[in-house]
Protein backbone atom coordinates (compact mmCIF):
# COMPACT_ATOMS: atom_id res chain seq x y z
CA MET A 1 108.38 96.16 115.86
CA THR A 2 111.82 96.07 114.26
CA ALA A 3 114.06 93.13 115.08
CA THR A 4 117.45 94.08 116.54
CA LYS A 5 119.25 90.74 116.47
CA SER A 6 122.49 90.41 114.54
CA MET A 7 122.26 89.22 110.97
CA ASP A 8 122.85 85.55 110.31
CA PRO A 9 126.36 85.29 108.73
CA LYS A 10 124.97 82.87 106.13
CA VAL A 11 122.37 85.43 105.06
CA LEU A 12 124.95 88.20 104.89
CA ASN A 13 127.28 86.00 102.86
CA ILE A 14 124.49 85.32 100.33
CA LEU A 15 123.56 89.00 99.97
CA LYS A 16 126.87 90.86 100.17
CA ASP A 17 128.00 90.11 96.61
CA LYS A 18 124.60 91.06 95.24
CA VAL A 19 124.74 94.67 96.44
CA LYS A 20 126.81 97.24 94.55
CA LEU A 21 127.58 100.74 95.80
CA ILE A 22 127.38 103.52 93.20
CA GLU A 23 128.51 106.84 94.64
CA ALA A 24 126.57 109.82 93.34
CA ASN A 25 127.84 113.18 94.58
CA GLU A 26 127.02 113.25 98.32
CA LYS A 27 124.61 110.32 98.24
CA ALA A 28 124.70 106.64 97.38
CA ILE A 29 122.83 104.39 95.01
CA TYR A 30 122.69 100.77 96.16
CA LEU A 31 122.09 98.40 93.27
CA VAL A 32 120.90 94.88 94.13
CA GLY A 33 121.01 92.03 91.63
CA PRO A 34 121.10 90.34 89.23
CA ILE A 35 118.07 88.19 90.01
CA ASN A 36 116.65 85.67 87.55
CA LEU A 37 113.26 86.86 86.31
CA PRO A 38 111.40 84.79 83.70
CA VAL A 39 108.84 87.10 82.09
CA ARG A 40 105.72 86.15 80.16
CA LEU A 41 105.98 88.33 77.06
CA PHE A 42 103.16 87.90 74.56
CA ASP A 43 103.29 84.20 73.59
CA GLU A 44 106.67 83.26 75.07
CA THR A 45 108.66 83.29 78.31
CA VAL A 46 111.81 85.42 78.16
CA GLN A 47 114.62 85.26 80.68
CA PHE A 48 115.67 88.61 82.12
CA LYS A 49 118.04 89.60 84.90
CA TRP A 50 116.37 91.99 87.34
CA TYR A 51 118.08 94.70 89.39
CA CYS A 52 116.56 97.22 91.79
CA TRP A 53 118.20 100.30 93.24
CA LEU A 54 117.76 102.41 96.35
CA ASN A 55 118.81 106.00 96.94
CA CYS A 56 120.38 106.65 100.33
CA LYS A 57 122.05 109.64 101.99
CA GLU A 58 124.50 107.35 103.77
CA VAL A 59 127.51 106.29 101.70
CA THR A 60 129.06 103.10 103.06
CA ASP A 61 130.33 99.78 101.82
CA ASP A 62 129.20 98.16 105.09
CA PHE A 63 126.26 96.39 103.47
CA GLU A 64 125.32 94.66 106.73
CA ARG A 65 124.52 98.09 108.15
CA ILE A 66 122.42 99.00 105.14
CA ILE A 67 120.50 95.71 105.20
CA GLU A 68 119.85 95.93 108.94
CA LYS A 69 118.39 99.42 108.51
CA LEU A 70 115.81 98.32 105.94
CA SER A 71 113.31 96.93 108.42
CA SER A 72 113.15 100.29 110.22
CA VAL A 73 112.43 102.23 107.05
CA ASN A 74 109.01 101.81 105.47
CA LEU A 75 110.18 101.44 101.89
CA ALA A 76 106.71 100.27 100.86
CA GLU A 77 105.63 103.92 101.13
CA PHE A 78 108.30 104.99 98.67
CA GLN A 79 108.98 103.94 95.11
CA GLN A 80 112.20 102.30 94.01
CA SER A 81 113.36 102.03 90.42
CA SER A 82 114.59 98.89 88.71
CA VAL A 83 116.05 97.55 85.48
CA LEU A 84 115.44 94.43 83.42
CA VAL A 85 118.57 93.21 81.62
CA HIS A 86 118.60 90.67 78.81
CA GLY A 87 121.59 88.91 77.28
CA ASP A 88 125.24 89.88 77.72
CA PHE A 89 124.48 93.52 78.36
CA GLU A 90 127.93 94.41 79.63
CA HIS A 91 129.97 93.06 76.73
CA ALA A 92 127.75 92.86 73.63
CA ASP A 93 128.70 95.27 70.84
CA GLU A 94 125.12 96.43 70.32
CA ALA A 95 122.50 96.80 73.02
CA LEU A 96 119.05 98.37 73.12
CA ILE A 97 117.93 100.41 76.12
CA ARG A 98 114.68 102.00 77.15
CA LEU A 99 114.29 104.56 79.96
CA HIS A 100 110.64 103.94 80.84
CA SER A 101 108.74 106.15 83.24
CA ILE A 102 106.33 104.40 85.59
CA CYS A 103 102.70 104.66 84.47
CA HIS A 104 100.24 103.08 86.90
CA THR A 105 97.25 103.39 84.57
CA GLY A 106 98.95 102.37 81.34
CA ASP A 107 101.43 99.75 82.51
CA ILE A 108 99.23 98.00 85.08
CA PHE A 109 95.64 98.57 83.96
CA GLY A 110 96.33 98.77 80.22
CA SER A 111 94.77 102.23 79.85
CA LYS A 112 94.39 103.44 76.28
CA ARG A 113 94.56 107.11 77.29
CA CYS A 114 98.32 106.95 76.77
CA ASP A 115 100.77 104.74 74.88
CA CYS A 116 102.85 103.77 77.93
CA GLY A 117 101.68 100.17 78.26
CA PHE A 118 102.26 99.61 74.57
CA GLN A 119 105.73 101.15 74.77
CA LEU A 120 106.64 99.02 77.81
CA LYS A 121 105.74 95.68 76.22
CA THR A 122 107.04 96.64 72.78
CA ALA A 123 110.38 97.71 74.23
CA MET A 124 110.73 94.48 76.22
CA LYS A 125 109.92 92.43 73.11
CA ALA A 126 112.39 94.44 71.01
CA ILE A 127 115.15 93.88 73.58
CA ALA A 128 114.41 90.14 73.68
CA ASP A 129 114.38 89.90 69.87
CA HIS A 130 117.59 91.93 69.60
CA GLY A 131 119.35 89.56 71.98
CA THR A 132 120.63 92.03 74.54
CA GLY A 133 119.49 95.22 76.18
CA ALA A 134 118.00 96.79 79.28
CA LEU A 135 114.70 98.35 80.25
CA PHE A 136 114.95 100.87 83.09
CA TYR A 137 111.66 101.20 84.97
CA LEU A 138 111.81 104.58 86.67
CA ALA A 139 109.97 105.43 89.87
CA ASN A 140 108.85 108.95 90.78
CA HIS A 141 108.12 109.66 87.11
CA GLU A 142 104.35 109.18 87.23
CA GLY A 143 102.57 111.82 85.14
CA ARG A 144 105.95 113.18 83.95
CA GLY A 145 106.92 113.70 87.57
CA ILE A 146 103.74 114.97 89.28
CA GLY A 147 102.72 111.75 91.06
CA LEU A 148 99.69 109.51 90.80
CA PHE A 149 97.21 111.61 92.81
CA SER A 150 98.08 114.75 90.86
CA LYS A 151 97.86 112.74 87.65
CA ALA A 152 94.29 111.80 88.57
CA LEU A 153 93.46 115.50 88.96
CA ALA A 154 95.16 116.22 85.63
CA TYR A 155 93.02 113.54 83.98
CA ILE A 156 89.88 115.30 85.20
CA LEU A 157 91.11 118.53 83.66
CA GLN A 158 91.88 116.68 80.42
CA GLU A 159 88.31 115.39 80.37
CA ASN A 160 87.24 119.03 80.49
CA GLY A 161 89.23 120.32 77.53
CA PHE A 162 92.79 120.82 78.79
CA ASP A 163 95.64 119.02 77.06
CA THR A 164 98.28 117.12 79.05
CA VAL A 165 100.68 120.06 79.21
CA ASP A 166 98.14 122.66 80.32
CA ALA A 167 96.63 120.26 82.86
CA ASN A 168 100.03 119.95 84.59
CA LEU A 169 100.64 123.69 84.41
CA GLN A 170 97.21 124.49 85.87
CA LEU A 171 98.02 122.30 88.88
CA GLY A 172 101.20 124.26 89.55
CA PHE A 173 103.68 121.85 87.97
CA VAL A 174 106.06 122.23 85.06
CA ASP A 175 105.28 120.21 81.95
CA ASP A 176 108.00 117.62 82.62
CA SER A 177 110.10 117.38 85.81
CA ARG A 178 111.59 113.93 85.27
CA ASP A 179 115.23 113.35 86.22
CA TYR A 180 117.24 110.58 84.54
CA SER A 181 120.54 111.04 86.40
CA ASP A 182 120.25 108.03 88.73
CA ALA A 183 119.21 105.74 85.88
CA ILE A 184 122.19 106.88 83.84
CA ARG A 185 124.56 106.22 86.77
CA VAL A 186 123.18 102.69 87.02
CA LEU A 187 123.46 102.27 83.24
CA LYS A 188 127.14 103.25 83.38
CA ALA A 189 127.71 100.74 86.19
CA LEU A 190 126.27 97.98 84.00
CA ARG A 191 127.65 98.98 80.60
CA THR A 192 130.20 101.41 79.15
CA LYS A 193 129.84 100.53 75.46
CA PRO A 194 127.52 102.49 73.12
CA VAL A 195 123.77 101.92 73.28
CA LYS A 196 120.80 102.20 70.97
CA VAL A 197 118.03 104.15 72.70
CA MET A 198 114.35 103.42 72.19
CA THR A 199 112.65 106.77 72.62
CA ASN A 200 110.75 109.56 70.94
CA ASN A 201 111.81 112.06 73.60
CA PRO A 202 114.82 114.26 72.79
CA LYS A 203 115.17 115.17 76.50
CA LYS A 204 116.19 111.59 77.25
CA LEU A 205 118.80 111.69 74.49
CA ALA A 206 120.10 115.02 75.78
CA ALA A 207 120.39 113.68 79.34
CA LEU A 208 122.37 110.65 78.15
CA LYS A 209 124.69 112.74 75.98
CA LYS A 210 125.25 115.29 78.75
CA ALA A 211 126.30 112.46 81.06
CA GLY A 212 128.84 111.29 78.49
CA MET A 213 127.00 108.16 77.34
CA ASN A 214 127.81 107.09 73.80
CA ILE A 215 124.59 106.79 71.79
CA ALA A 216 124.97 104.65 68.69
CA ASP A 217 121.44 105.18 67.39
CA ARG A 218 117.86 106.11 68.27
CA VAL A 219 114.93 103.77 67.66
CA GLU A 220 111.47 105.32 67.51
CA LEU A 221 108.70 103.81 69.61
CA TRP A 222 105.35 104.93 68.25
CA GLY A 223 102.23 102.82 67.80
CA ASP A 224 98.88 101.73 69.23
CA VAL A 225 97.25 104.99 68.11
CA SER A 226 93.52 105.12 68.81
CA GLU A 227 90.66 107.54 69.33
CA TYR A 228 91.49 107.49 73.04
CA ASN A 229 95.09 108.69 72.83
CA GLU A 230 95.48 110.51 69.51
CA LYS A 231 95.21 113.98 71.08
CA TYR A 232 97.65 112.94 73.79
CA LEU A 233 100.19 111.76 71.20
CA GLN A 234 99.76 114.89 69.08
CA THR A 235 100.37 117.02 72.18
CA LYS A 236 103.61 115.12 72.83
CA ILE A 237 104.85 116.26 69.42
CA ALA A 238 103.36 119.75 69.22
CA ARG A 239 104.03 120.91 72.79
CA SER A 240 106.55 118.57 74.41
CA GLY A 241 108.92 118.34 71.46
CA HIS A 242 108.77 114.60 70.88
CA LEU A 243 110.21 113.39 67.59
CA GLU A 244 107.47 112.39 65.16
CA GLY A 245 107.79 109.01 63.49
CA GLU A 246 106.00 106.82 61.02
CA GLY A 247 103.93 105.08 63.68
CA CYS A 248 102.41 108.18 65.24
CA CYS A 249 99.10 109.79 64.41
CA ASN A 250 99.06 108.69 60.78
CA ASP A 251 95.90 107.60 59.03
């Protein structure tokens, strides 16, 4: 059952300055952080600042009300996005960013059917080496927006001759339904200076430019090509319009 007692003033005092309201049309984005997050990255531990955000229909700066409502909403059934920030992201002249879509199979299990796990770790390492940047880890993007269960069905179709685009289309989805608007709002709340974007996807660049974000440069993120994902990567280029680079599908 949900507790109804009033929040301890000490607890509220600790949390209130860690929650930022970002108004987004008729809804709100509540950004919590920064939180110290030491991350094991290859052979070293890198210090990141972690933020998480929550979409909510209620727009209020009464954070006690928002916090008290959390225990009555089963957020474990829903995904929330987050961002890892390294260095002086707000003020540094140059910063790398990566808008990374959640991939349960690639990011968690290390699946070689895609290049997502490779891109995740490579982007984090590049940000750490660069000295400042941010990796946005975006929920509700699984399978380019179709969800994990539907992605499993799409994988079965792929094992029977369909490519990634046709598999999604056969299940009644569009090829790519991902929305980057919330991530861009959070990005603008954390930084207003130009950014270098690690991506091969022109749709991400277009979304950033449409939102008025100043893009200083694009950094390609190809690699880890193998017999397991070569067709997948070629489909990204041939059918999804991804920008081909030196690290993709070359002998």
